[in-house]
């Protein structure tokens, strides 16, 4: 646990790596239902098998939506945190599709830490979502979180 005032000294530091998470077809189907994105490459294994992917793939936005889960383990706990909220992204790139049945995890590096108002710290994290056994990542992003500290 670090004091908010110590955050700028951690810029450039790897904050952590999450555990692996298996991407299963049920999760992809549930995401398709939640977002109304039922493109066959996500939900139809037979049709998706005929594509260059060789099977169904996760939505890129499903990968993005998992960041709050991943960053629980791959972030820095800040003393006196009252709450932390997702603040957005500065950029997101979906580098390689995640095939159903693959495992992914996130690696986070603190890119910046700025006190925007007293007790409100905006953290930018360079996050790479890795695919187990693959050289290229699934996604890279500059992810923003606002920490409210006492």
Protein backbone atom coordinates (compact mmCIF):
# COMPACT_ATOMS: atom_id res chain seq x y z
CA UNK A 1 0.00 0.00 0.00
CA UNK A 2 1.32 3.44 -0.92
CA UNK A 3 0.36 6.98 -0.02
CA UNK A 4 -1.17 8.94 -2.88
CA UNK A 5 1.66 11.46 -2.68
CA UNK A 6 4.13 8.64 -3.47
CA UNK A 7 2.38 7.71 -6.73
CA UNK A 8 4.43 10.03 -9.01
CA UNK A 9 7.61 8.28 -7.85
CA UNK A 10 6.20 4.98 -9.18
CA UNK A 11 5.76 6.19 -12.77
CA UNK A 12 7.43 3.66 -15.06
CA UNK A 13 7.06 0.84 -12.54
CA UNK A 14 5.25 -2.39 -13.31
CA UNK A 15 2.33 -2.49 -10.89
CA UNK A 16 1.51 -6.13 -11.31
CA UNK A 17 0.33 -9.02 -13.41
CA UNK A 18 -3.10 -10.58 -12.97
CA UNK A 19 -3.93 -14.26 -12.86
CA UNK A 20 -4.85 -16.03 -16.08
CA UNK A 21 -8.54 -16.09 -17.04
CA UNK A 22 -9.98 -18.73 -19.37
CA UNK A 23 -12.23 -17.28 -22.06
CA UNK A 24 -15.13 -19.70 -22.43
CA UNK A 25 -17.93 -19.73 -24.98
CA UNK A 26 -20.56 -19.13 -22.27
CA UNK A 27 -18.88 -15.83 -21.31
CA UNK A 28 -18.67 -14.76 -24.97
CA UNK A 29 -22.34 -15.66 -25.53
CA UNK A 30 -23.40 -13.72 -22.42
CA UNK A 31 -21.41 -10.69 -23.62
CA UNK A 32 -23.06 -10.97 -27.05
CA UNK A 33 -26.47 -10.97 -25.36
CA UNK A 34 -25.57 -8.00 -23.14
CA UNK A 35 -24.27 -5.90 -26.04
CA UNK A 36 -26.57 -7.18 -28.80
CA UNK A 37 -23.47 -8.05 -30.86
CA UNK A 38 -24.32 -11.50 -32.20
CA UNK A 39 -21.86 -11.61 -35.08
CA UNK A 40 -21.26 -15.25 -36.02
CA UNK A 41 -17.51 -15.10 -35.37
CA UNK A 42 -18.36 -14.82 -31.67
CA UNK A 43 -21.32 -17.15 -31.20
CA UNK A 44 -21.45 -19.75 -34.00
CA UNK A 45 -18.61 -22.29 -33.65
CA UNK A 46 -19.46 -24.08 -36.89
CA UNK A 47 -19.50 -20.96 -39.10
CA UNK A 48 -16.53 -19.44 -37.26
CA UNK A 49 -14.52 -22.61 -37.93
CA UNK A 50 -14.63 -21.68 -41.64
CA UNK A 51 -12.90 -18.33 -41.02
CA UNK A 52 -9.17 -17.64 -40.73
CA UNK A 53 -9.68 -17.69 -36.93
CA UNK A 54 -10.59 -21.39 -37.03
CA UNK A 55 -13.26 -20.96 -34.37
CA UNK A 56 -15.11 -18.43 -32.28
CA UNK A 57 -13.32 -15.43 -30.84
CA UNK A 58 -14.05 -13.08 -27.96
CA UNK A 59 -15.33 -9.60 -28.68
CA UNK A 60 -12.56 -7.03 -28.40
CA UNK A 61 -14.80 -5.06 -26.08
CA UNK A 62 -15.20 -8.13 -23.87
CA UNK A 63 -11.43 -8.09 -23.39
CA UNK A 64 -11.58 -4.36 -22.61
CA UNK A 65 -14.46 -4.85 -20.18
CA UNK A 66 -12.39 -7.31 -18.13
CA UNK A 67 -9.82 -4.65 -17.18
CA UNK A 68 -11.45 -3.72 -13.86
CA UNK A 69 -11.27 -7.41 -12.87
CA UNK A 70 -7.67 -7.80 -14.01
CA UNK A 71 -6.50 -4.54 -12.44
CA UNK A 72 -7.64 -5.58 -8.97
CA UNK A 73 -4.49 -7.73 -8.95
CA UNK A 74 -2.34 -5.68 -11.35
CA UNK A 75 -2.61 -2.27 -9.72
CA UNK A 76 -1.25 -0.44 -6.71
CA UNK A 77 -3.36 -0.16 -3.54
CA UNK A 78 -3.52 3.48 -2.48
CA UNK A 79 -3.83 4.35 1.20
CA UNK A 80 -7.05 6.06 2.17
CA UNK A 81 -8.91 5.17 -1.02
CA UNK A 82 -12.59 6.02 -0.62
CA UNK A 83 -13.40 4.81 -4.13
CA UNK A 84 -11.83 4.40 -7.53
CA UNK A 85 -13.74 4.82 -10.78
CA UNK A 86 -13.00 3.98 -14.39
CA UNK A 87 -12.17 7.27 -16.10
CA UNK A 88 -11.74 6.05 -19.67
CA UNK A 89 -8.94 5.25 -22.06
CA UNK A 90 -6.60 7.41 -24.09
CA UNK A 91 -6.16 4.71 -26.70
CA UNK A 92 -7.05 1.07 -27.23
CA UNK A 93 -5.69 -1.34 -29.82
CA UNK A 94 -6.99 -4.86 -30.35
CA UNK A 95 -3.77 -6.45 -31.60
CA UNK A 96 -4.77 -10.10 -31.90
CA UNK A 97 -8.07 -11.93 -31.43
CA UNK A 98 -8.64 -14.07 -28.35
CA UNK A 99 -9.90 -17.49 -29.39
CA UNK A 100 -12.45 -19.18 -27.20
CA UNK A 101 -10.52 -21.61 -24.99
CA UNK A 102 -7.47 -19.37 -24.60
CA UNK A 103 -6.36 -17.79 -21.33
CA UNK A 104 -5.57 -14.08 -20.96
CA UNK A 105 -4.09 -11.88 -18.25
CA UNK A 106 -3.17 -8.22 -17.83
CA UNK A 107 0.18 -6.59 -17.11
CA UNK A 108 0.10 -2.98 -15.89
CA UNK A 109 2.75 -0.25 -15.80
CA UNK A 110 2.04 3.13 -14.18
CA UNK A 111 2.39 5.76 -16.92
CA UNK A 112 1.35 8.84 -14.93
CA UNK A 113 -0.15 9.93 -11.62
CA UNK A 114 -1.53 13.45 -11.31
CA UNK A 115 -3.48 15.03 -8.48
CA UNK A 116 -6.28 16.79 -10.40
CA UNK A 117 -7.94 18.24 -7.28
CA UNK A 118 -7.12 17.74 -3.63
CA UNK A 119 -7.69 14.05 -2.90
CA UNK A 120 -8.43 13.16 -6.54
CA UNK A 121 -5.64 11.28 -8.30
CA UNK A 122 -5.83 10.41 -12.00
CA UNK A 123 -3.74 7.36 -12.79
CA UNK A 124 -2.87 6.32 -16.32
CA UNK A 125 -1.76 2.71 -16.67
CA UNK A 126 -0.21 1.17 -19.76
CA UNK A 127 -1.99 -2.17 -19.82
CA UNK A 128 -1.11 -5.13 -22.00
CA UNK A 129 -3.53 -8.06 -22.14
CA UNK A 130 -1.46 -11.13 -22.93
CA UNK A 131 -2.62 -14.40 -24.45
CA UNK A 132 -1.04 -17.48 -22.92
CA UNK A 133 1.47 -19.04 -25.30
CA UNK A 134 1.22 -16.23 -27.87
CA UNK A 135 3.91 -13.71 -28.74
CA UNK A 136 1.50 -10.90 -29.67
CA UNK A 137 -0.85 -9.48 -27.06
CA UNK A 138 -4.62 -9.42 -27.39
CA UNK A 139 -4.86 -5.74 -26.52
CA UNK A 140 -2.85 -2.72 -25.42
CA UNK A 141 -4.40 0.35 -23.86
CA UNK A 142 -3.76 3.47 -21.85
CA UNK A 143 -6.34 2.96 -19.10
CA UNK A 144 -7.41 5.80 -16.80
CA UNK A 145 -8.70 5.52 -13.24
CA UNK A 146 -9.62 8.27 -10.80
CA UNK A 147 -8.82 7.55 -7.16
CA UNK A 148 -10.59 9.51 -4.45
CA UNK A 149 -8.50 9.46 -1.28
CA UNK A 150 -9.03 10.79 2.22
